[in-house]
Amino acid sequence: MTAITTIRIDHDALPHQFDRLRPDAVAEAIEVALRDDGITAEASDVISHIKIELPTTQLAAASAVLADLQLI
């Protein structure tokens, strides 16, 4: 069984390159960026934030991708 990590990013904290009016598209873009780097992740819009779930073993790699996207 794999441990899962959940990352939450508030819509208000999204950098300007992301369209805050289209949170579903933002979640999709984040998921694609993570998967392009080989990270198995699911991102979704959850009312007030973007929720990203991924295996905890990939947290360091995911953090690097999210930092490149200026999300963390």
N, C-alpha and C. Protein backbone atom coordinates (compact mmCIF):
# COMPACT_ATOMS: atom_id res chain seq x y z
N MET A 1 0.84 -1.18 0.00
CA MET A 1 0.00 0.00 0.00
C MET A 1 0.89 1.25 0.00
N THR A 2 0.58 2.18 -0.85
CA THR A 2 1.37 3.40 -0.98
C THR A 2 0.75 4.53 -0.19
N ALA A 3 1.59 5.25 0.55
CA ALA A 3 1.11 6.44 1.26
C ALA A 3 0.84 7.54 0.24
N ILE A 4 -0.23 8.29 0.47
CA ILE A 4 -0.63 9.37 -0.44
C ILE A 4 -0.48 10.71 0.27
N THR A 5 0.06 11.68 -0.43
CA THR A 5 0.19 13.05 0.08
C THR A 5 -0.80 13.92 -0.67
N THR A 6 -1.45 14.83 0.06
CA THR A 6 -2.35 15.80 -0.55
C THR A 6 -1.77 17.18 -0.37
N ILE A 7 -1.69 17.91 -1.47
CA ILE A 7 -1.23 19.30 -1.46
C ILE A 7 -2.42 20.16 -1.85
N ARG A 8 -2.64 21.22 -1.10
CA ARG A 8 -3.73 22.15 -1.41
C ARG A 8 -3.14 23.52 -1.72
N ILE A 9 -3.61 24.10 -2.80
CA ILE A 9 -3.15 25.44 -3.21
C ILE A 9 -4.39 26.32 -3.33
N ASP A 10 -4.48 27.33 -2.49
CA ASP A 10 -5.62 28.25 -2.53
C ASP A 10 -5.68 28.97 -3.87
N HIS A 11 -6.89 29.14 -4.39
CA HIS A 11 -7.06 29.87 -5.65
C HIS A 11 -6.43 31.25 -5.56
N ASP A 12 -6.57 31.91 -4.41
CA ASP A 12 -6.02 33.27 -4.24
C ASP A 12 -4.50 33.29 -4.31
N ALA A 13 -3.85 32.14 -4.09
CA ALA A 13 -2.39 32.08 -4.09
C ALA A 13 -1.82 31.73 -5.47
N LEU A 14 -2.69 31.51 -6.45
CA LEU A 14 -2.19 31.15 -7.78
C LEU A 14 -1.46 32.32 -8.42
N PRO A 15 -0.30 32.06 -9.02
CA PRO A 15 0.43 33.13 -9.71
C PRO A 15 -0.39 33.63 -10.91
N HIS A 16 -0.02 34.79 -11.39
CA HIS A 16 -0.77 35.46 -12.45
C HIS A 16 -0.80 34.71 -13.77
N GLN A 17 0.15 33.80 -14.02
CA GLN A 17 0.13 33.08 -15.29
C GLN A 17 -1.00 32.06 -15.36
N PHE A 18 -1.67 31.80 -14.23
CA PHE A 18 -2.80 30.88 -14.20
C PHE A 18 -4.10 31.68 -14.17
N ASP A 19 -5.07 31.23 -14.93
CA ASP A 19 -6.38 31.90 -15.02
C ASP A 19 -7.24 31.45 -13.84
N ARG A 20 -7.33 32.29 -12.83
CA ARG A 20 -8.09 31.96 -11.62
C ARG A 20 -9.58 31.76 -11.90
N LEU A 21 -10.04 32.26 -13.03
CA LEU A 21 -11.45 32.10 -13.39
C LEU A 21 -11.75 30.72 -13.98
N ARG A 22 -10.68 29.97 -14.26
CA ARG A 22 -10.83 28.63 -14.84
C ARG A 22 -10.06 27.60 -14.01
N PRO A 23 -10.48 27.39 -12.76
CA PRO A 23 -9.73 26.50 -11.88
C PRO A 23 -9.62 25.06 -12.39
N ASP A 24 -10.60 24.59 -13.14
CA ASP A 24 -10.49 23.24 -13.71
C ASP A 24 -9.32 23.17 -14.69
N ALA A 25 -9.15 24.21 -15.49
CA ALA A 25 -8.04 24.26 -16.45
C ALA A 25 -6.71 24.36 -15.72
N VAL A 26 -6.68 25.09 -14.61
CA VAL A 26 -5.46 25.20 -13.80
C VAL A 26 -5.09 23.83 -13.25
N ALA A 27 -6.07 23.13 -12.70
CA ALA A 27 -5.82 21.79 -12.15
C ALA A 27 -5.29 20.86 -13.24
N GLU A 28 -5.88 20.94 -14.42
CA GLU A 28 -5.42 20.10 -15.53
C GLU A 28 -3.99 20.43 -15.93
N ALA A 29 -3.65 21.72 -15.99
CA ALA A 29 -2.30 22.14 -16.36
C ALA A 29 -1.28 21.64 -15.34
N ILE A 30 -1.63 21.71 -14.06
CA ILE A 30 -0.73 21.23 -13.01
C ILE A 30 -0.54 19.72 -13.13
N GLU A 31 -1.63 19.00 -13.32
CA GLU A 31 -1.54 17.55 -13.46
C GLU A 31 -0.68 17.16 -14.65
N VAL A 32 -0.85 17.84 -15.77
CA VAL A 32 -0.05 17.55 -16.97
C VAL A 32 1.43 17.82 -16.71
N ALA A 33 1.74 18.94 -16.06
CA ALA A 33 3.14 19.28 -15.76
C ALA A 33 3.78 18.21 -14.87
N LEU A 34 3.05 17.75 -13.88
CA LEU A 34 3.58 16.71 -13.00
C LEU A 34 3.76 15.40 -13.75
N ARG A 35 2.79 15.02 -14.56
CA ARG A 35 2.89 13.77 -15.30
C ARG A 35 4.01 13.82 -16.35
N ASP A 36 4.23 15.01 -16.94
CA ASP A 36 5.32 15.15 -17.90
C ASP A 36 6.67 14.88 -17.26
N ASP A 37 6.76 15.08 -15.93
CA ASP A 37 7.99 14.80 -15.20
C ASP A 37 7.97 13.41 -14.56
N GLY A 38 7.01 12.59 -14.96
CA GLY A 38 6.95 11.22 -14.47
C GLY A 38 6.31 11.05 -13.11
N ILE A 39 5.58 12.04 -12.66
CA ILE A 39 4.94 11.99 -11.35
C ILE A 39 3.48 11.60 -11.52
N THR A 40 3.09 10.54 -10.85
CA THR A 40 1.72 10.08 -10.89
C THR A 40 0.91 10.94 -9.94
N ALA A 41 0.08 11.82 -10.48
CA ALA A 41 -0.67 12.75 -9.64
C ALA A 41 -2.06 12.98 -10.21
N GLU A 42 -2.96 13.35 -9.31
CA GLU A 42 -4.30 13.77 -9.71
C GLU A 42 -4.54 15.14 -9.11
N ALA A 43 -4.89 16.09 -9.96
CA ALA A 43 -5.19 17.45 -9.50
C ALA A 43 -6.64 17.76 -9.85
N SER A 44 -7.31 18.44 -8.92
CA SER A 44 -8.71 18.79 -9.15
C SER A 44 -9.04 20.10 -8.45
N ASP A 45 -10.08 20.75 -8.96
CA ASP A 45 -10.59 21.98 -8.36
C ASP A 45 -11.57 21.60 -7.26
N VAL A 46 -11.34 22.12 -6.06
CA VAL A 46 -12.22 21.83 -4.93
C VAL A 46 -12.65 23.16 -4.31
N ILE A 47 -13.67 23.75 -4.85
CA ILE A 47 -14.30 25.01 -4.44
C ILE A 47 -13.31 26.14 -4.15
N SER A 48 -12.52 26.05 -3.09
CA SER A 48 -11.65 27.17 -2.71
C SER A 48 -10.18 26.93 -3.00
N HIS A 49 -9.85 25.74 -3.49
CA HIS A 49 -8.44 25.43 -3.71
C HIS A 49 -8.28 24.33 -4.78
N ILE A 50 -7.04 24.19 -5.21
CA ILE A 50 -6.66 23.09 -6.09
C ILE A 50 -6.11 21.99 -5.19
N LYS A 51 -6.61 20.78 -5.36
CA LYS A 51 -6.14 19.64 -4.57
C LYS A 51 -5.30 18.75 -5.47
N ILE A 52 -4.11 18.43 -5.00
CA ILE A 52 -3.19 17.57 -5.74
C ILE A 52 -2.89 16.36 -4.85
N GLU A 53 -3.14 15.18 -5.37
CA GLU A 53 -2.84 13.96 -4.63
C GLU A 53 -1.79 13.17 -5.40
N LEU A 54 -0.79 12.68 -4.67
CA LEU A 54 0.30 11.95 -5.29
C LEU A 54 0.93 11.01 -4.28
N PRO A 55 1.64 9.98 -4.77
CA PRO A 55 2.34 9.09 -3.85
C PRO A 55 3.39 9.89 -3.07
N THR A 56 3.45 9.65 -1.77
CA THR A 56 4.39 10.36 -0.92
C THR A 56 5.83 10.16 -1.40
N THR A 57 6.12 9.02 -1.99
CA THR A 57 7.47 8.75 -2.49
C THR A 57 7.88 9.72 -3.60
N GLN A 58 6.91 10.40 -4.22
CA GLN A 58 7.21 11.34 -5.30
C GLN A 58 7.09 12.79 -4.85
N LEU A 59 6.97 13.01 -3.55
CA LEU A 59 6.77 14.36 -3.03
C LEU A 59 7.92 15.30 -3.36
N ALA A 60 9.15 14.86 -3.21
CA ALA A 60 10.30 15.73 -3.49
C ALA A 60 10.32 16.17 -4.96
N ALA A 61 10.09 15.21 -5.86
CA ALA A 61 10.07 15.54 -7.29
C ALA A 61 8.90 16.47 -7.61
N ALA A 62 7.75 16.20 -7.01
CA ALA A 62 6.58 17.05 -7.25
C ALA A 62 6.82 18.46 -6.72
N SER A 63 7.48 18.57 -5.60
CA SER A 63 7.79 19.90 -5.03
C SER A 63 8.67 20.70 -5.99
N ALA A 64 9.60 20.05 -6.63
CA ALA A 64 10.46 20.74 -7.59
C ALA A 64 9.66 21.27 -8.77
N VAL A 65 8.74 20.45 -9.28
CA VAL A 65 7.89 20.87 -10.40
C VAL A 65 7.01 22.03 -9.98
N LEU A 66 6.38 21.91 -8.81
CA LEU A 66 5.49 22.97 -8.33
C LEU A 66 6.25 24.27 -8.06
N ALA A 67 7.49 24.16 -7.62
CA ALA A 67 8.33 25.35 -7.42
C ALA A 67 8.65 26.00 -8.76
N ASP A 68 8.93 25.20 -9.78
CA ASP A 68 9.19 25.74 -11.12
C ASP A 68 7.96 26.47 -11.66
N LEU A 69 6.77 26.00 -11.29
CA LEU A 69 5.52 26.63 -11.72
C LEU A 69 5.15 27.82 -10.83
N GLN A 70 5.99 28.10 -9.83
CA GLN A 70 5.78 29.19 -8.87
C GLN A 70 4.51 28.98 -8.03
N LEU A 71 4.20 27.72 -7.76
CA LEU A 71 3.03 27.39 -6.95
C LEU A 71 3.38 27.22 -5.48
N ILE A 72 4.64 26.91 -5.21
CA ILE A 72 5.11 26.81 -3.82
C ILE A 72 6.45 27.52 -3.71
